[in-house]
Amino acid sequence: MPGLLLFCNFAGAAEPSKEYQVKAVFLYNFAQFAEWPPNSFETKDSPVVICTLGNNPFGDFLKDTVRNEVVRGRPLKVEHHQRVEEIKTCHILYIGQSEADRLEQDLNVLKGKPVLTVSDIESAAVRGLMIRLVTQSNKIRIRVNLEEAKAAGLNLSSKLLRAADIVRGEKK
């Protein structure tokens, strides 16, 4: 099992695709360091489904990253969706920048479902997202809203949490 990549430097990357290559690896690592309730899967060998919502900034990088990979005996599968209502099965959902204005509505549709939500949208973790990817000084760091993950029945590994900034959601 590959080690946990939590801080990755992409200095010198002229095109945004380099950044999203790194973020694709983060999504793969999240599949390794998150646990879903057993009823999140139809069968014991159902795939871990990684979805993107909105514009897909990964191109083929995400599919290439998880191709032929297996996590806890489950293959990985990638799906792309334009609307959150289209999603049937999803375990990790990357919410693209194109969804920034609809973030709260998208998260409301997913409320209580065991879907690990990830994005790089500004302030997304305090707005109810579970993991925000933050780029600082050409490095990607993670901010985790542990309350939201627990509310969805997800268990995040201590290895992941040690490298994360833990944030709280906005008080309503």
N, C-alpha and C. Protein backbone atom coordinates (compact mmCIF):
# COMPACT_ATOMS: atom_id res chain seq x y z
N MET A 1 0.86 -1.17 0.00
CA MET A 1 0.00 0.00 0.00
C MET A 1 0.90 1.23 0.00
N PRO A 2 0.70 2.15 -0.92
CA PRO A 2 1.54 3.34 -0.96
C PRO A 2 1.37 4.17 0.30
N GLY A 3 2.41 4.93 0.63
CA GLY A 3 2.35 5.80 1.80
C GLY A 3 1.37 6.94 1.58
N LEU A 4 1.06 7.59 2.64
CA LEU A 4 0.11 8.70 2.58
C LEU A 4 0.80 9.94 2.05
N LEU A 5 0.29 10.44 0.94
CA LEU A 5 0.81 11.68 0.34
C LEU A 5 -0.12 12.80 0.76
N LEU A 6 0.35 13.65 1.67
CA LEU A 6 -0.52 14.72 2.14
C LEU A 6 0.00 16.09 1.78
N PHE A 7 1.28 16.22 1.64
CA PHE A 7 1.83 17.52 1.25
C PHE A 7 2.66 17.25 0.02
N CYS A 8 2.30 17.85 -1.06
CA CYS A 8 3.02 17.60 -2.30
C CYS A 8 3.33 18.93 -2.95
N ASN A 9 4.56 19.11 -3.35
CA ASN A 9 5.01 20.34 -3.96
C ASN A 9 4.87 20.21 -5.47
N PHE A 10 4.22 21.17 -6.08
CA PHE A 10 4.12 21.15 -7.54
C PHE A 10 4.65 22.44 -8.11
N ALA A 11 5.69 22.98 -7.47
CA ALA A 11 6.32 24.21 -7.95
C ALA A 11 6.79 24.01 -9.38
N GLY A 12 6.66 25.03 -10.16
CA GLY A 12 7.10 24.96 -11.54
C GLY A 12 6.04 24.42 -12.48
N ALA A 13 4.91 24.02 -11.93
CA ALA A 13 3.85 23.49 -12.78
C ALA A 13 3.15 24.66 -13.46
N ALA A 14 3.38 24.79 -14.75
CA ALA A 14 2.82 25.92 -15.49
C ALA A 14 1.32 25.74 -15.73
N GLU A 15 0.91 24.50 -16.04
CA GLU A 15 -0.49 24.28 -16.34
C GLU A 15 -1.22 23.72 -15.12
N PRO A 16 -2.49 24.06 -14.97
CA PRO A 16 -3.24 23.57 -13.82
C PRO A 16 -3.32 22.06 -13.76
N SER A 17 -3.16 21.38 -14.86
CA SER A 17 -3.29 19.92 -14.85
C SER A 17 -2.28 19.26 -13.92
N LYS A 18 -1.12 19.85 -13.70
CA LYS A 18 -0.15 19.28 -12.75
C LYS A 18 -0.74 19.30 -11.34
N GLU A 19 -1.39 20.39 -10.99
CA GLU A 19 -2.03 20.50 -9.69
C GLU A 19 -3.09 19.42 -9.54
N TYR A 20 -3.86 19.19 -10.58
CA TYR A 20 -4.92 18.20 -10.48
C TYR A 20 -4.41 16.77 -10.57
N GLN A 21 -3.23 16.56 -11.11
CA GLN A 21 -2.60 15.25 -11.02
C GLN A 21 -2.33 14.94 -9.55
N VAL A 22 -1.82 15.92 -8.83
CA VAL A 22 -1.53 15.74 -7.42
C VAL A 22 -2.84 15.52 -6.65
N LYS A 23 -3.86 16.30 -6.97
CA LYS A 23 -5.14 16.16 -6.28
C LYS A 23 -5.79 14.80 -6.57
N ALA A 24 -5.55 14.25 -7.74
CA ALA A 24 -6.05 12.90 -8.05
C ALA A 24 -5.42 11.87 -7.11
N VAL A 25 -4.14 12.05 -6.82
CA VAL A 25 -3.46 11.15 -5.89
C VAL A 25 -4.05 11.30 -4.48
N PHE A 26 -4.38 12.52 -4.10
CA PHE A 26 -5.04 12.74 -2.81
C PHE A 26 -6.35 11.95 -2.74
N LEU A 27 -7.16 12.02 -3.79
CA LEU A 27 -8.44 11.31 -3.79
C LEU A 27 -8.22 9.80 -3.65
N TYR A 28 -7.22 9.28 -4.33
CA TYR A 28 -6.88 7.87 -4.20
C TYR A 28 -6.49 7.56 -2.75
N ASN A 29 -5.66 8.42 -2.15
CA ASN A 29 -5.25 8.20 -0.76
C ASN A 29 -6.44 8.27 0.19
N PHE A 30 -7.38 9.15 -0.08
CA PHE A 30 -8.56 9.24 0.79
C PHE A 30 -9.32 7.91 0.78
N ALA A 31 -9.35 7.23 -0.35
CA ALA A 31 -10.02 5.93 -0.42
C ALA A 31 -9.35 4.92 0.51
N GLN A 32 -8.05 5.08 0.70
CA GLN A 32 -7.31 4.17 1.57
C GLN A 32 -7.47 4.51 3.05
N PHE A 33 -7.72 5.77 3.35
CA PHE A 33 -7.72 6.22 4.74
C PHE A 33 -9.09 6.62 5.26
N ALA A 34 -10.14 6.19 4.57
CA ALA A 34 -11.51 6.41 5.05
C ALA A 34 -12.20 5.05 5.10
N GLU A 35 -13.13 4.93 6.04
CA GLU A 35 -13.94 3.72 6.14
C GLU A 35 -15.40 4.11 6.07
N TRP A 36 -16.15 3.35 5.28
CA TRP A 36 -17.57 3.58 5.09
C TRP A 36 -18.36 2.53 5.85
N PRO A 37 -19.58 2.85 6.24
CA PRO A 37 -20.43 1.83 6.86
C PRO A 37 -20.63 0.67 5.88
N PRO A 38 -20.73 -0.56 6.39
CA PRO A 38 -20.87 -1.72 5.50
C PRO A 38 -22.03 -1.61 4.51
N ASN A 39 -23.13 -0.96 4.90
CA ASN A 39 -24.28 -0.86 4.01
C ASN A 39 -24.07 0.16 2.89
N SER A 40 -22.88 0.77 2.81
CA SER A 40 -22.55 1.70 1.72
C SER A 40 -22.25 0.96 0.42
N PHE A 41 -22.08 -0.36 0.53
CA PHE A 41 -21.71 -1.18 -0.63
C PHE A 41 -22.75 -2.26 -0.82
N GLU A 42 -23.12 -2.52 -2.09
CA GLU A 42 -24.13 -3.55 -2.38
C GLU A 42 -23.62 -4.95 -2.03
N THR A 43 -22.36 -5.23 -2.40
CA THR A 43 -21.77 -6.54 -2.13
C THR A 43 -20.38 -6.35 -1.55
N LYS A 44 -19.77 -7.45 -1.10
CA LYS A 44 -18.45 -7.35 -0.47
C LYS A 44 -17.35 -6.97 -1.47
N ASP A 45 -17.62 -7.10 -2.77
CA ASP A 45 -16.61 -6.70 -3.75
C ASP A 45 -17.07 -5.55 -4.65
N SER A 46 -18.12 -4.84 -4.22
CA SER A 46 -18.55 -3.64 -4.96
C SER A 46 -17.42 -2.62 -4.95
N PRO A 47 -17.29 -1.82 -6.02
CA PRO A 47 -16.19 -0.87 -6.08
C PRO A 47 -16.38 0.33 -5.15
N VAL A 48 -15.26 0.94 -4.82
CA VAL A 48 -15.27 2.26 -4.19
C VAL A 48 -15.41 3.23 -5.36
N VAL A 49 -16.49 4.01 -5.36
CA VAL A 49 -16.77 4.89 -6.48
C VAL A 49 -16.33 6.31 -6.13
N ILE A 50 -15.43 6.84 -6.95
CA ILE A 50 -14.95 8.22 -6.81
C ILE A 50 -15.63 9.02 -7.90
N CYS A 51 -16.35 10.07 -7.51
CA CYS A 51 -17.11 10.87 -8.47
C CYS A 51 -16.58 12.30 -8.49
N THR A 52 -16.79 12.95 -9.63
CA THR A 52 -16.59 14.38 -9.72
C THR A 52 -17.93 15.00 -10.02
N LEU A 53 -18.13 16.20 -9.48
CA LEU A 53 -19.38 16.92 -9.70
C LEU A 53 -19.05 18.26 -10.33
N GLY A 54 -19.74 18.59 -11.44
CA GLY A 54 -19.47 19.83 -12.15
C GLY A 54 -18.38 19.63 -13.17
N ASN A 55 -17.67 20.69 -13.48
CA ASN A 55 -16.58 20.59 -14.45
C ASN A 55 -15.51 19.66 -13.91
N ASN A 56 -15.00 18.77 -14.75
CA ASN A 56 -13.99 17.80 -14.35
C ASN A 56 -12.60 18.37 -14.62
N PRO A 57 -11.89 18.83 -13.59
CA PRO A 57 -10.57 19.42 -13.81
C PRO A 57 -9.47 18.38 -13.96
N PHE A 58 -9.78 17.10 -13.78
CA PHE A 58 -8.77 16.05 -13.79
C PHE A 58 -8.45 15.50 -15.17
N GLY A 59 -9.32 15.75 -16.15
CA GLY A 59 -9.12 15.09 -17.44
C GLY A 59 -9.14 13.59 -17.18
N ASP A 60 -8.16 12.88 -17.72
CA ASP A 60 -8.07 11.43 -17.50
C ASP A 60 -7.17 11.07 -16.33
N PHE A 61 -6.57 12.07 -15.66
CA PHE A 61 -5.61 11.79 -14.58
C PHE A 61 -6.22 10.97 -13.46
N LEU A 62 -7.43 11.28 -13.06
CA LEU A 62 -8.04 10.55 -11.95
C LEU A 62 -8.26 9.09 -12.32
N LYS A 63 -8.82 8.84 -13.50
CA LYS A 63 -9.02 7.46 -13.94
C LYS A 63 -7.69 6.72 -14.05
N ASP A 64 -6.67 7.40 -14.59
CA ASP A 64 -5.35 6.78 -14.72
C ASP A 64 -4.74 6.47 -13.35
N THR A 65 -4.97 7.34 -12.39
CA THR A 65 -4.41 7.16 -11.05
C THR A 65 -4.97 5.93 -10.36
N VAL A 66 -6.26 5.67 -10.50
CA VAL A 66 -6.89 4.56 -9.77
C VAL A 66 -7.02 3.29 -10.60
N ARG A 67 -6.63 3.35 -11.88
CA ARG A 67 -6.75 2.18 -12.75
C ARG A 67 -6.01 0.99 -12.14
N ASN A 68 -6.69 -0.14 -12.05
CA ASN A 68 -6.15 -1.40 -11.52
C ASN A 68 -5.80 -1.36 -10.03
N GLU A 69 -6.20 -0.32 -9.32
CA GLU A 69 -5.94 -0.25 -7.88
C GLU A 69 -7.09 -0.90 -7.13
N VAL A 70 -6.77 -1.46 -5.97
CA VAL A 70 -7.75 -2.11 -5.11
C VAL A 70 -7.54 -1.59 -3.69
N VAL A 71 -8.63 -1.25 -3.01
CA VAL A 71 -8.57 -0.78 -1.63
C VAL A 71 -9.46 -1.68 -0.79
N ARG A 72 -8.87 -2.35 0.19
CA ARG A 72 -9.59 -3.29 1.07
C ARG A 72 -10.40 -4.30 0.25
N GLY A 73 -9.80 -4.81 -0.79
CA GLY A 73 -10.44 -5.83 -1.62
C GLY A 73 -11.45 -5.30 -2.62
N ARG A 74 -11.55 -3.98 -2.72
CA ARG A 74 -12.52 -3.37 -3.63
C ARG A 74 -11.78 -2.63 -4.74
N PRO A 75 -12.22 -2.83 -5.98
CA PRO A 75 -11.65 -2.02 -7.07
C PRO A 75 -12.13 -0.58 -6.95
N LEU A 76 -11.47 0.32 -7.64
CA LEU A 76 -11.89 1.73 -7.67
C LEU A 76 -12.49 2.04 -9.01
N LYS A 77 -13.51 2.87 -9.00
CA LYS A 77 -14.22 3.26 -10.22
C LYS A 77 -14.41 4.77 -10.18
N VAL A 78 -14.34 5.42 -11.34
CA VAL A 78 -14.51 6.87 -11.43
C VAL A 78 -15.73 7.19 -12.28
N GLU A 79 -16.53 8.13 -11.79
CA GLU A 79 -17.70 8.62 -12.54
C GLU A 79 -17.70 10.15 -12.51
N HIS A 80 -18.25 10.74 -13.56
CA HIS A 80 -18.38 12.20 -13.63
C HIS A 80 -19.86 12.55 -13.73
N HIS A 81 -20.25 13.59 -12.98
CA HIS A 81 -21.65 14.02 -12.97
C HIS A 81 -21.72 15.54 -13.08
N GLN A 82 -22.76 16.02 -13.71
CA GLN A 82 -22.99 17.46 -13.82
C GLN A 82 -23.91 17.98 -12.71
N ARG A 83 -24.78 17.11 -12.20
CA ARG A 83 -25.72 17.51 -11.15
C ARG A 83 -25.70 16.47 -10.04
N VAL A 84 -25.77 16.92 -8.81
CA VAL A 84 -25.70 16.01 -7.68
C VAL A 84 -26.86 15.01 -7.70
N GLU A 85 -28.00 15.41 -8.25
CA GLU A 85 -29.16 14.52 -8.30
C GLU A 85 -28.95 13.32 -9.22
N GLU A 86 -27.98 13.39 -10.12
CA GLU A 86 -27.67 12.28 -11.05
C GLU A 86 -26.97 11.12 -10.35
N ILE A 87 -26.36 11.39 -9.21
CA ILE A 87 -25.48 10.41 -8.56
C ILE A 87 -26.31 9.31 -7.90
N LYS A 88 -25.99 8.06 -8.28
CA LYS A 88 -26.65 6.90 -7.68
C LYS A 88 -25.78 6.34 -6.55
N THR A 89 -24.55 6.00 -6.85
CA THR A 89 -23.62 5.47 -5.87
C THR A 89 -22.33 6.28 -5.95
N CYS A 90 -21.87 6.77 -4.81
CA CYS A 90 -20.63 7.53 -4.76
C CYS A 90 -20.09 7.45 -3.34
N HIS A 91 -18.81 7.17 -3.22
CA HIS A 91 -18.17 7.09 -1.90
C HIS A 91 -17.30 8.30 -1.63
N ILE A 92 -16.63 8.80 -2.66
CA ILE A 92 -15.83 10.02 -2.56
C ILE A 92 -16.30 10.95 -3.67
N LEU A 93 -16.71 12.15 -3.28
CA LEU A 93 -17.21 13.10 -4.26
C LEU A 93 -16.34 14.34 -4.26
N TYR A 94 -15.65 14.57 -5.39
CA TYR A 94 -14.90 15.81 -5.57
C TYR A 94 -15.87 16.82 -6.19
N ILE A 95 -16.08 17.93 -5.50
CA ILE A 95 -16.98 18.97 -5.97
C ILE A 95 -16.15 20.07 -6.61
N GLY A 96 -16.30 20.24 -7.91
CA GLY A 96 -15.50 21.19 -8.68
C GLY A 96 -15.84 22.64 -8.42
N GLN A 97 -14.93 23.50 -8.83
CA GLN A 97 -15.10 24.95 -8.67
C GLN A 97 -16.39 25.46 -9.30
N SER A 98 -16.84 24.79 -10.37
CA SER A 98 -18.06 25.24 -11.04
C SER A 98 -19.28 25.14 -10.13
N GLU A 99 -19.17 24.43 -9.01
CA GLU A 99 -20.27 24.24 -8.07
C GLU A 99 -20.21 25.20 -6.88
N ALA A 100 -19.29 26.16 -6.89
CA ALA A 100 -19.09 27.05 -5.74
C ALA A 100 -20.37 27.73 -5.29
N ASP A 101 -21.16 28.22 -6.23
CA ASP A 101 -22.40 28.92 -5.88
C ASP A 101 -23.51 27.98 -5.40
N ARG A 102 -23.38 26.70 -5.71
CA ARG A 102 -24.40 25.71 -5.34
C ARG A 102 -23.91 24.77 -4.23
N LEU A 103 -22.78 25.08 -3.61
CA LEU A 103 -22.18 24.14 -2.66
C LEU A 103 -23.15 23.73 -1.56
N GLU A 104 -23.79 24.67 -0.91
CA GLU A 104 -24.70 24.32 0.17
C GLU A 104 -25.86 23.46 -0.32
N GLN A 105 -26.42 23.78 -1.49
CA GLN A 105 -27.51 22.97 -2.03
C GLN A 105 -27.04 21.54 -2.32
N ASP A 106 -25.84 21.42 -2.92
CA ASP A 106 -25.29 20.09 -3.21
C ASP A 106 -25.08 19.30 -1.92
N LEU A 107 -24.51 19.95 -0.91
CA LEU A 107 -24.26 19.27 0.36
C LEU A 107 -25.57 18.88 1.05
N ASN A 108 -26.61 19.69 0.89
CA ASN A 108 -27.92 19.35 1.47
C ASN A 108 -28.47 18.06 0.88
N VAL A 109 -28.30 17.88 -0.43
CA VAL A 109 -28.77 16.65 -1.09
C VAL A 109 -28.04 15.44 -0.52
N LEU A 110 -26.79 15.62 -0.14
CA LEU A 110 -25.97 14.52 0.36
C LEU A 110 -26.05 14.33 1.87
N LYS A 111 -26.71 15.23 2.57
CA LYS A 111 -26.77 15.22 4.04
C LYS A 111 -27.16 13.85 4.56
N GLY A 112 -26.34 13.33 5.48
CA GLY A 112 -26.62 12.05 6.11
C GLY A 112 -26.23 10.83 5.30
N LYS A 113 -25.77 11.04 4.06
CA LYS A 113 -25.34 9.92 3.22
C LYS A 113 -23.83 9.71 3.43
N PRO A 114 -23.37 8.47 3.39
CA PRO A 114 -21.95 8.19 3.61
C PRO A 114 -21.10 8.49 2.38
N VAL A 115 -21.02 9.77 2.04
CA VAL A 115 -20.24 10.23 0.88
C VAL A 115 -19.18 11.19 1.40
N LEU A 116 -17.92 10.85 1.20
CA LEU A 116 -16.82 11.72 1.61
C LEU A 116 -16.71 12.86 0.60
N THR A 117 -17.05 14.06 1.04
CA THR A 117 -17.05 15.22 0.13
C THR A 117 -15.71 15.94 0.20
N VAL A 118 -15.18 16.27 -0.99
CA VAL A 118 -13.85 16.88 -1.13
C VAL A 118 -13.95 18.00 -2.15
N SER A 119 -13.25 19.11 -1.90
CA SER A 119 -13.22 20.20 -2.87
C SER A 119 -12.06 21.13 -2.56
N ASP A 120 -11.80 22.02 -3.50
CA ASP A 120 -10.84 23.10 -3.25
C ASP A 120 -11.55 24.46 -3.28
N ILE A 121 -12.88 24.44 -3.17
CA ILE A 121 -13.66 25.67 -3.12
C ILE A 121 -13.33 26.42 -1.83
N GLU A 122 -13.13 27.72 -1.94
CA GLU A 122 -12.78 28.57 -0.80
C GLU A 122 -13.76 28.38 0.35
N SER A 123 -13.25 28.20 1.56
CA SER A 123 -14.04 28.07 2.80
C SER A 123 -15.02 26.91 2.79
N ALA A 124 -14.83 25.94 1.93
CA ALA A 124 -15.79 24.85 1.79
C ALA A 124 -15.91 24.00 3.06
N ALA A 125 -14.82 23.78 3.78
CA ALA A 125 -14.88 22.93 4.97
C ALA A 125 -15.74 23.55 6.06
N VAL A 126 -15.68 24.85 6.23
CA VAL A 126 -16.53 25.47 7.25
C VAL A 126 -17.97 25.62 6.76
N ARG A 127 -18.19 25.42 5.46
CA ARG A 127 -19.54 25.49 4.89
C ARG A 127 -20.22 24.12 4.88
N GLY A 128 -19.54 23.07 5.38
CA GLY A 128 -20.17 21.76 5.48
C GLY A 128 -19.50 20.66 4.69
N LEU A 129 -18.48 20.98 3.93
CA LEU A 129 -17.72 19.98 3.19
C LEU A 129 -16.85 19.20 4.18
N MET A 130 -16.47 17.98 3.86
CA MET A 130 -15.66 17.18 4.78
C MET A 130 -14.17 17.43 4.64
N ILE A 131 -13.66 17.49 3.41
CA ILE A 131 -12.22 17.71 3.20
C ILE A 131 -12.01 18.79 2.16
N ARG A 132 -11.29 19.82 2.55
CA ARG A 132 -10.93 20.88 1.61
C ARG A 132 -9.45 20.77 1.29
N LEU A 133 -9.14 20.79 0.00
CA LEU A 133 -7.76 20.82 -0.47
C LEU A 133 -7.34 22.28 -0.59
N VAL A 134 -6.31 22.66 0.12
CA VAL A 134 -5.86 24.05 0.17
C VAL A 134 -4.46 24.13 -0.42
N THR A 135 -4.28 25.03 -1.38
CA THR A 135 -2.96 25.22 -1.98
C THR A 135 -2.31 26.44 -1.33
N GLN A 136 -1.15 26.21 -0.71
CA GLN A 136 -0.37 27.27 -0.08
C GLN A 136 1.09 27.05 -0.40
N SER A 137 1.75 28.08 -0.90
CA SER A 137 3.18 28.00 -1.22
C SER A 137 3.49 26.78 -2.08
N ASN A 138 2.69 26.56 -3.11
CA ASN A 138 2.88 25.45 -4.04
C ASN A 138 2.78 24.08 -3.39
N LYS A 139 2.11 23.99 -2.26
CA LYS A 139 1.87 22.71 -1.59
C LYS A 139 0.38 22.57 -1.34
N ILE A 140 -0.07 21.34 -1.36
CA ILE A 140 -1.47 21.08 -1.08
C ILE A 140 -1.57 20.54 0.34
N ARG A 141 -2.44 21.16 1.10
CA ARG A 141 -2.71 20.75 2.48
C ARG A 141 -4.20 20.42 2.58
N ILE A 142 -4.56 19.75 3.66
CA ILE A 142 -5.96 19.40 3.81
C ILE A 142 -6.54 19.99 5.09
N ARG A 143 -7.80 20.39 4.97
CA ARG A 143 -8.59 20.84 6.11
C ARG A 143 -9.77 19.89 6.21
N VAL A 144 -9.98 19.35 7.39
CA VAL A 144 -11.02 18.34 7.59
C VAL A 144 -12.07 18.85 8.56
N ASN A 145 -13.32 18.72 8.15
CA ASN A 145 -14.46 18.99 9.02
C ASN A 145 -14.90 17.63 9.54
N LEU A 146 -14.31 17.24 10.67
CA LEU A 146 -14.53 15.92 11.24
C LEU A 146 -15.97 15.72 11.68
N GLU A 147 -16.62 16.78 12.14
CA GLU A 147 -18.02 16.68 12.55
C GLU A 147 -18.89 16.20 11.39
N GLU A 148 -18.66 16.75 10.21
CA GLU A 148 -19.46 16.36 9.03
C GLU A 148 -19.18 14.91 8.63
N ALA A 149 -17.92 14.50 8.69
CA ALA A 149 -17.58 13.12 8.33
C ALA A 149 -18.25 12.15 9.30
N LYS A 150 -18.17 12.44 10.59
CA LYS A 150 -18.79 11.56 11.59
C LYS A 150 -20.31 11.52 11.42
N ALA A 151 -20.91 12.67 11.13
CA ALA A 151 -22.37 12.74 10.95
C ALA A 151 -22.82 11.86 9.77
N ALA A 152 -21.94 11.66 8.80
CA ALA A 152 -22.27 10.83 7.64
C ALA A 152 -21.91 9.36 7.86
N GLY A 153 -21.40 9.03 9.05
CA GLY A 153 -21.06 7.65 9.35
C GLY A 153 -19.69 7.22 8.85
N LEU A 154 -18.85 8.19 8.49
CA LEU A 154 -17.53 7.87 7.98
C LEU A 154 -16.49 7.90 9.09
N ASN A 155 -15.50 7.04 8.98
CA ASN A 155 -14.40 7.00 9.92
C ASN A 155 -13.12 7.34 9.16
N LEU A 156 -12.44 8.41 9.56
CA LEU A 156 -11.20 8.81 8.90
C LEU A 156 -10.02 8.37 9.75
N SER A 157 -9.03 7.79 9.10
CA SER A 157 -7.85 7.26 9.76
C SER A 157 -7.09 8.34 10.52
N SER A 158 -6.51 7.95 11.65
CA SER A 158 -5.69 8.88 12.42
C SER A 158 -4.48 9.33 11.61
N LYS A 159 -4.01 8.50 10.69
CA LYS A 159 -2.89 8.90 9.83
C LYS A 159 -3.27 10.10 8.97
N LEU A 160 -4.49 10.10 8.49
CA LEU A 160 -4.99 11.22 7.71
C LEU A 160 -5.19 12.45 8.60
N LEU A 161 -5.78 12.25 9.74
CA LEU A 161 -6.09 13.37 10.63
C LEU A 161 -4.85 14.04 11.21
N ARG A 162 -3.79 13.27 11.43
CA ARG A 162 -2.55 13.86 11.96
C ARG A 162 -1.97 14.91 11.02
N ALA A 163 -2.18 14.73 9.74
CA ALA A 163 -1.61 15.65 8.74
C ALA A 163 -2.59 16.76 8.35
N ALA A 164 -3.76 16.78 8.97
CA ALA A 164 -4.81 17.72 8.57
C ALA A 164 -4.99 18.82 9.59
N ASP A 165 -5.53 19.94 9.12
CA ASP A 165 -6.04 20.98 10.01
C ASP A 165 -7.51 20.63 10.22
N ILE A 166 -7.92 20.50 11.47
CA ILE A 166 -9.31 20.19 11.78
C ILE A 166 -10.07 21.51 11.92
N VAL A 167 -11.19 21.61 11.21
CA VAL A 167 -12.00 22.83 11.26
C VAL A 167 -13.42 22.48 11.70
N ARG A 168 -14.12 23.46 12.14
CA ARG A 168 -15.53 23.28 12.53
C ARG A 168 -16.40 24.01 11.53
N GLY A 169 -17.61 23.50 11.37
CA GLY A 169 -18.56 24.14 10.47
C GLY A 169 -19.10 25.43 11.06
N GLU A 170 -19.75 26.20 10.22
CA GLU A 170 -20.38 27.44 10.67
C GLU A 170 -21.53 27.10 11.60
N LYS A 171 -21.72 27.90 12.60
CA LYS A 171 -22.88 27.74 13.50
C LYS A 171 -24.11 28.27 12.79
N LYS A 172 -25.16 27.51 12.80
CA LYS A 172 -26.38 27.92 12.10
C LYS A 172 -27.33 28.58 13.06
